[in-house]
């Protein structure tokens, strides 16, 4: 019963947080210069044309009425109609979400495994491991967009190991395993770009947590029993570091979405991030609010699950 009550409180807090964030986003979108009517009507449209466009999309109503209609639609699962694409926002978001999840999950898997292993290894090195941790902290500060351009020039343009853009090869119509391999080949550079910064983050976290665990009594007791240092590190220290790393992984959801916007724009990846950048340029408010609403919900749910996973792994 206490666990159920705690879950209800978490759900209520999450819904309240989502409503507050969506309300703030609505206010920010409404206060941004250059409304949707100007973007839809064109740069050389007359004021009468812009007014007609505003009326056709109910943009001439008071802001309070627009906000009430927005909240009512979202509560019913209706995310509105895209001004630019003339399609339901829910269809656009669902259509663009799988490529983004492919990037995020691939980057999270690679960075979690590689970063944890490298961080634990660095913690066991002593002073040499401190240099590894410092290098990881420096790598974490590198902009994703800049790292992506370097990878494009080196691995894509010069060596021609990977394609530079797109989800699949438009010149071929592969099926089955060939189609999956084609998607994986195109996803290699975007996933690597997104994973490098996250790997540096996991190295830093794993190194810091392992350094706290190595002086503990259970490590000294294991060494006294003759257990090799490698077995102590991976069988004992890693298990005690795992809950904190799991929480860190769940809390990276927001950063992964942010990085995905930049990476998808750079590699012309047809995902949610590129849809967001297009909506910003076209002032497509329903798409902005719908996509950000989904991202906000994902961040809130992942943060709530982090506590549950930490308790299960502890």
Protein backbone atom coordinates (compact mmCIF):
# COMPACT_ATOMS: atom_id res chain seq x y z
CA UNK A 1 0.00 0.00 0.00
CA UNK A 2 2.74 2.57 0.76
CA UNK A 3 4.37 1.75 -2.59
CA UNK A 4 1.05 2.29 -4.39
CA UNK A 5 0.53 5.62 -2.63
CA UNK A 6 4.06 6.65 -3.54
CA UNK A 7 3.39 5.76 -7.16
CA UNK A 8 0.18 7.83 -7.17
CA UNK A 9 2.05 10.81 -5.71
CA UNK A 10 4.74 10.43 -8.36
CA UNK A 11 2.13 10.30 -11.12
CA UNK A 12 0.31 13.36 -9.77
CA UNK A 13 3.57 15.27 -9.48
CA UNK A 14 4.51 14.26 -13.01
CA UNK A 15 1.20 15.42 -14.48
CA UNK A 16 1.44 18.72 -12.62
CA UNK A 17 5.03 19.24 -13.80
CA UNK A 18 3.99 18.46 -17.38
CA UNK A 19 1.14 20.98 -17.25
CA UNK A 20 3.41 23.70 -15.85
CA UNK A 21 6.11 23.09 -18.46
CA UNK A 22 3.61 22.99 -21.30
CA UNK A 23 2.06 26.23 -20.08
CA UNK A 24 5.46 27.90 -20.01
CA UNK A 25 6.23 26.60 -23.49
CA UNK A 26 2.91 27.92 -24.76
CA UNK A 27 3.71 31.35 -23.31
CA UNK A 28 7.20 31.34 -24.86
CA UNK A 29 5.88 30.30 -28.26
CA UNK A 30 3.20 32.99 -28.19
CA UNK A 31 5.67 35.70 -27.19
CA UNK A 32 8.21 34.82 -29.92
CA UNK A 33 8.51 37.47 -32.66
CA UNK A 34 7.02 36.66 -36.05
CA UNK A 35 3.84 34.62 -35.77
CA UNK A 36 2.70 31.63 -37.82
CA UNK A 37 0.51 33.81 -40.04
CA UNK A 38 3.52 35.70 -41.40
CA UNK A 39 5.38 32.45 -42.11
CA UNK A 40 2.36 30.81 -43.77
CA UNK A 41 1.36 33.80 -45.87
CA UNK A 42 4.90 34.51 -47.07
CA UNK A 43 7.30 37.41 -46.81
CA UNK A 44 5.47 39.58 -49.34
CA UNK A 45 1.90 38.95 -48.20
CA UNK A 46 -0.38 41.86 -47.45
CA UNK A 47 -1.87 42.51 -44.03
CA UNK A 48 -5.25 41.37 -45.33
CA UNK A 49 -3.78 38.03 -46.40
CA UNK A 50 -2.11 37.54 -43.03
CA UNK A 51 -5.37 38.37 -41.27
CA UNK A 52 -7.21 35.79 -43.40
CA UNK A 53 -4.63 33.15 -42.56
CA UNK A 54 -4.93 34.00 -38.86
CA UNK A 55 -8.70 33.57 -39.00
CA UNK A 56 -8.46 30.24 -40.83
CA UNK A 57 -6.26 28.79 -38.05
CA UNK A 58 -8.10 30.58 -35.19
CA UNK A 59 -4.97 32.62 -34.44
CA UNK A 60 -6.97 35.83 -34.15
CA UNK A 61 -8.59 34.69 -30.88
CA UNK A 62 -7.37 36.02 -27.52
CA UNK A 63 -4.37 34.21 -26.09
CA UNK A 64 -6.39 32.97 -23.11
CA UNK A 65 -8.90 31.26 -25.42
CA UNK A 66 -6.09 29.73 -27.48
CA UNK A 67 -4.47 28.41 -24.31
CA UNK A 68 -7.74 26.91 -23.04
CA UNK A 69 -8.34 25.23 -26.40
CA UNK A 70 -4.77 23.92 -26.43
CA UNK A 71 -5.05 22.34 -22.96
CA UNK A 72 -8.46 20.86 -23.80
CA UNK A 73 -7.13 19.29 -27.00
CA UNK A 74 -4.05 17.88 -25.30
CA UNK A 75 -6.21 16.40 -22.56
CA UNK A 76 -8.24 14.58 -25.23
CA UNK A 77 -5.13 13.32 -27.01
CA UNK A 78 -5.60 15.72 -29.94
CA UNK A 79 -2.30 17.52 -30.62
CA UNK A 80 -3.76 19.75 -33.31
CA UNK A 81 -2.99 20.25 -36.99
CA UNK A 82 0.40 21.25 -38.33
CA UNK A 83 0.33 24.66 -40.01
CA UNK A 84 3.16 23.78 -42.38
CA UNK A 85 2.53 20.10 -43.21
CA UNK A 86 -1.29 20.29 -43.02
CA UNK A 87 -1.29 16.98 -41.17
CA UNK A 88 -2.19 15.97 -37.60
CA UNK A 89 0.71 16.60 -35.25
CA UNK A 90 0.31 13.18 -33.62
CA UNK A 91 0.85 11.46 -36.98
CA UNK A 92 3.97 13.51 -37.66
CA UNK A 93 5.46 12.84 -34.23
CA UNK A 94 4.72 9.09 -34.33
CA UNK A 95 6.17 8.91 -37.83
CA UNK A 96 9.42 10.68 -36.86
CA UNK A 97 9.89 9.11 -33.44
CA UNK A 98 11.35 5.66 -34.42
CA UNK A 99 14.47 7.08 -36.18
CA UNK A 100 15.14 9.29 -33.16
CA UNK A 101 14.74 6.37 -30.76
CA UNK A 102 17.17 4.38 -32.91
CA UNK A 103 19.80 7.10 -32.46
CA UNK A 104 19.12 7.57 -28.76
CA UNK A 105 19.02 3.90 -27.77
CA UNK A 106 22.06 3.07 -29.90
CA UNK A 107 24.05 5.94 -28.41
CA UNK A 108 22.91 5.12 -24.87
CA UNK A 109 23.85 1.44 -25.23
CA UNK A 110 27.30 2.18 -26.67
CA UNK A 111 28.10 4.99 -24.26
CA UNK A 112 26.78 3.11 -21.21
CA UNK A 113 28.81 -0.02 -21.83
CA UNK A 114 31.99 1.66 -23.11
CA UNK A 115 31.89 4.53 -20.61
CA UNK A 116 31.29 2.27 -17.61
CA UNK A 117 34.06 -0.14 -18.59
CA UNK A 118 36.55 2.67 -19.24
CA UNK A 119 35.61 4.49 -16.03
CA UNK A 120 36.05 1.39 -13.86
CA UNK A 121 39.36 0.59 -15.56
CA UNK A 122 40.56 4.16 -14.99
CA UNK A 123 39.61 4.00 -11.30
CA UNK A 124 41.74 0.89 -10.86
CA UNK A 125 44.78 2.51 -12.52
CA UNK A 126 45.48 5.04 -9.79
CA UNK A 127 47.13 8.27 -10.92
CA UNK A 128 47.04 7.25 -14.56
CA UNK A 129 43.30 6.85 -14.29
CA UNK A 130 42.97 10.46 -13.16
CA UNK A 131 44.37 11.55 -16.51
CA UNK A 132 41.78 9.39 -18.25
CA UNK A 133 39.01 11.01 -16.19
CA UNK A 134 40.32 14.49 -17.00
CA UNK A 135 40.44 13.64 -20.70
CA UNK A 136 36.84 12.39 -20.49
CA UNK A 137 35.75 15.61 -18.77
CA UNK A 138 37.41 17.62 -21.55
CA UNK A 139 35.75 15.47 -24.22
CA UNK A 140 32.36 15.97 -22.56
CA UNK A 141 32.75 19.73 -23.05
CA UNK A 142 33.17 19.41 -26.83
CA UNK A 143 30.09 20.59 -28.79
CA UNK A 144 28.16 17.77 -30.45
CA UNK A 145 27.77 19.73 -33.67
CA UNK A 146 31.53 20.27 -33.92
CA UNK A 147 32.33 16.61 -33.20
CA UNK A 148 29.81 15.57 -35.84
CA UNK A 149 31.44 17.77 -38.47
CA UNK A 150 34.85 16.26 -37.72
CA UNK A 151 33.46 12.74 -38.06
CA UNK A 152 31.72 13.66 -41.30
CA UNK A 153 34.93 15.07 -42.78
CA UNK A 154 37.16 12.24 -41.56
CA UNK A 155 35.11 9.04 -41.70
CA UNK A 156 32.51 10.12 -44.23
CA UNK A 157 34.14 12.44 -46.74
CA UNK A 158 37.85 11.52 -46.66
CA UNK A 159 37.75 7.79 -45.91
CA UNK A 160 34.22 7.22 -47.30
CA UNK A 161 33.50 4.53 -44.73
CA UNK A 162 29.98 5.75 -43.97
CA UNK A 163 27.29 7.76 -45.77
CA UNK A 164 26.93 11.41 -44.86
CA UNK A 165 23.15 11.77 -44.67
CA UNK A 166 19.80 10.05 -44.76
CA UNK A 167 18.27 6.94 -43.24
CA UNK A 168 18.61 4.63 -46.26
CA UNK A 169 20.14 4.58 -49.71
CA UNK A 170 17.57 6.17 -52.03
CA UNK A 171 19.20 4.53 -55.06
CA UNK A 172 18.38 1.01 -53.85
CA UNK A 173 15.26 -0.74 -52.55
CA UNK A 174 16.66 -3.28 -50.10
CA UNK A 175 14.47 -5.70 -48.15
CA UNK A 176 14.91 -7.94 -45.13
CA UNK A 177 18.40 -8.14 -43.67
CA UNK A 178 19.82 -5.94 -46.40
CA UNK A 179 17.43 -3.15 -45.40
CA UNK A 180 18.43 -3.46 -41.73
CA UNK A 181 22.12 -3.39 -42.64
CA UNK A 182 21.53 -0.36 -44.83
CA UNK A 183 19.86 1.51 -41.94
CA UNK A 184 22.64 0.47 -39.56
CA UNK A 185 25.27 1.69 -42.03
CA UNK A 186 23.57 5.07 -42.37
CA UNK A 187 23.04 5.30 -38.60
CA UNK A 188 26.69 4.62 -37.73
CA UNK A 189 27.97 8.19 -37.90
CA UNK A 190 24.94 9.85 -36.21
CA UNK A 191 24.98 7.28 -33.40
CA UNK A 192 28.73 7.63 -32.94
CA UNK A 193 28.43 11.42 -32.86
CA UNK A 194 25.75 11.27 -30.20
CA UNK A 195 27.52 8.51 -28.25
CA UNK A 196 30.94 10.14 -27.90
CA UNK A 197 29.83 12.88 -25.52
CA UNK A 198 27.67 10.47 -23.54
CA UNK A 199 30.58 8.04 -23.25
CA UNK A 200 32.68 10.80 -21.71
CA UNK A 201 29.87 11.44 -19.22
CA UNK A 202 29.65 7.78 -18.16
CA UNK A 203 33.43 7.56 -17.83
CA UNK A 204 33.36 10.49 -15.40
CA UNK A 205 30.47 9.08 -13.36
CA UNK A 206 31.82 5.51 -13.23
CA UNK A 207 35.30 6.76 -12.29
CA UNK A 208 34.00 8.95 -9.46
CA UNK A 209 31.72 6.26 -8.03
CA UNK A 210 34.36 3.51 -8.29
CA UNK A 211 36.95 5.67 -6.54
CA UNK A 212 34.55 5.89 -3.59
CA UNK A 213 34.02 2.12 -3.54
CA UNK A 214 37.62 0.90 -3.86
CA UNK A 215 38.69 1.94 -0.30
CA UNK A 216 35.66 0.20 1.25
CA UNK A 217 36.03 -2.73 3.65
CA UNK A 218 34.48 -5.33 1.33
CA UNK A 219 37.21 -4.64 -1.24
CA UNK A 220 39.96 -5.13 1.35
CA UNK A 221 38.25 -8.30 2.59
CA UNK A 222 38.06 -9.68 -0.96
CA UNK A 223 41.74 -8.96 -1.50
CA UNK A 224 42.57 -10.67 1.80
CA UNK A 225 40.78 -13.79 0.54
CA UNK A 226 43.03 -13.79 -2.51
CA UNK A 227 40.45 -12.70 -5.07
CA UNK A 228 42.18 -11.08 -8.09
CA UNK A 229 41.81 -7.31 -8.49
CA UNK A 230 40.10 -7.73 -11.85
CA UNK A 231 37.43 -9.98 -10.35
CA UNK A 232 36.93 -7.54 -7.45
CA UNK A 233 36.52 -4.65 -9.86
CA UNK A 234 34.01 -6.30 -12.18
CA UNK A 235 32.18 -8.65 -9.82
CA UNK A 236 31.94 -6.49 -6.69
CA UNK A 237 32.68 -2.82 -7.34
CA UNK A 238 30.72 -2.75 -10.59
CA UNK A 239 27.63 -4.15 -8.85
CA UNK A 240 27.71 -1.40 -6.23
CA UNK A 241 28.24 1.28 -8.88
CA UNK A 242 25.41 -0.04 -11.09
CA UNK A 243 22.48 1.69 -9.29
CA UNK A 244 24.04 5.16 -9.65
CA UNK A 245 24.88 4.48 -13.29
CA UNK A 246 21.33 3.33 -13.98
CA UNK A 247 19.96 6.57 -12.52
CA UNK A 248 22.45 8.54 -14.62
CA UNK A 249 21.33 6.66 -17.75
CA UNK A 250 17.65 7.43 -17.14
CA UNK A 251 18.47 11.08 -16.45
CA UNK A 252 20.28 11.37 -19.79
CA UNK A 253 17.01 11.19 -21.74
CA UNK A 254 16.63 14.96 -21.91
CA UNK A 255 20.24 15.48 -23.00
CA UNK A 256 19.89 12.77 -25.64
CA UNK A 257 16.85 14.49 -27.12
CA UNK A 258 18.76 17.77 -27.16
CA UNK A 259 21.73 16.17 -28.87
CA UNK A 260 19.45 14.40 -31.32
CA UNK A 261 18.11 17.76 -32.59
CA UNK A 262 21.64 18.86 -33.52
CA UNK A 263 22.76 15.48 -34.88
CA UNK A 264 19.66 14.98 -37.00
CA UNK A 265 20.01 18.45 -38.48
CA UNK A 266 23.66 17.79 -39.32
CA UNK A 267 23.10 14.39 -40.94
CA UNK A 268 19.66 15.10 -42.48
CA UNK A 269 18.28 12.29 -40.32
CA UNK A 270 14.47 12.09 -40.66
CA UNK A 271 13.67 12.02 -36.95
CA UNK A 272 11.94 14.06 -34.31
CA UNK A 273 14.87 16.45 -33.92
CA UNK A 274 14.78 17.47 -37.56
CA UNK A 275 11.00 17.88 -37.33
CA UNK A 276 11.54 20.25 -34.40
CA UNK A 277 14.11 22.34 -36.23
CA UNK A 278 11.76 22.56 -39.22
CA UNK A 279 8.89 23.62 -36.94
CA UNK A 280 11.05 26.36 -35.41
CA UNK A 281 11.98 27.75 -38.84
CA UNK A 282 8.37 27.60 -40.07
CA UNK A 283 6.87 28.83 -36.76
CA UNK A 284 4.72 25.70 -36.66
CA UNK A 285 3.42 26.12 -33.11
CA UNK A 286 1.30 22.93 -32.88
CA UNK A 287 4.28 20.77 -33.90
CA UNK A 288 6.54 22.56 -31.43
CA UNK A 289 4.13 22.13 -28.54
CA UNK A 290 3.27 18.54 -29.43
CA UNK A 291 6.88 17.41 -29.85
CA UNK A 292 8.09 19.22 -26.75
CA UNK A 293 5.13 17.81 -24.83
CA UNK A 294 6.19 14.28 -25.77
CA UNK A 295 9.82 15.00 -24.84
CA UNK A 296 8.74 16.51 -21.51
CA UNK A 297 6.61 13.45 -20.73
CA UNK A 298 9.51 11.14 -21.62
CA UNK A 299 11.87 13.03 -19.31
CA UNK A 300 9.39 12.98 -16.43
CA UNK A 301 8.65 9.26 -16.85
CA UNK A 302 12.34 8.37 -17.09
CA UNK A 303 13.12 10.38 -13.95
CA UNK A 304 10.33 8.58 -12.09
CA UNK A 305 11.54 5.18 -13.29
CA UNK A 306 15.10 6.00 -12.24
CA UNK A 307 14.22 5.78 -8.55
CA UNK A 308 12.44 2.45 -9.06
CA UNK A 309 15.33 0.96 -11.01
CA UNK A 310 17.85 2.19 -8.46
CA UNK A 311 15.97 0.50 -5.62
CA UNK A 312 15.70 -2.72 -7.64
CA UNK A 313 19.41 -2.78 -8.49
CA UNK A 314 20.54 -1.86 -4.96
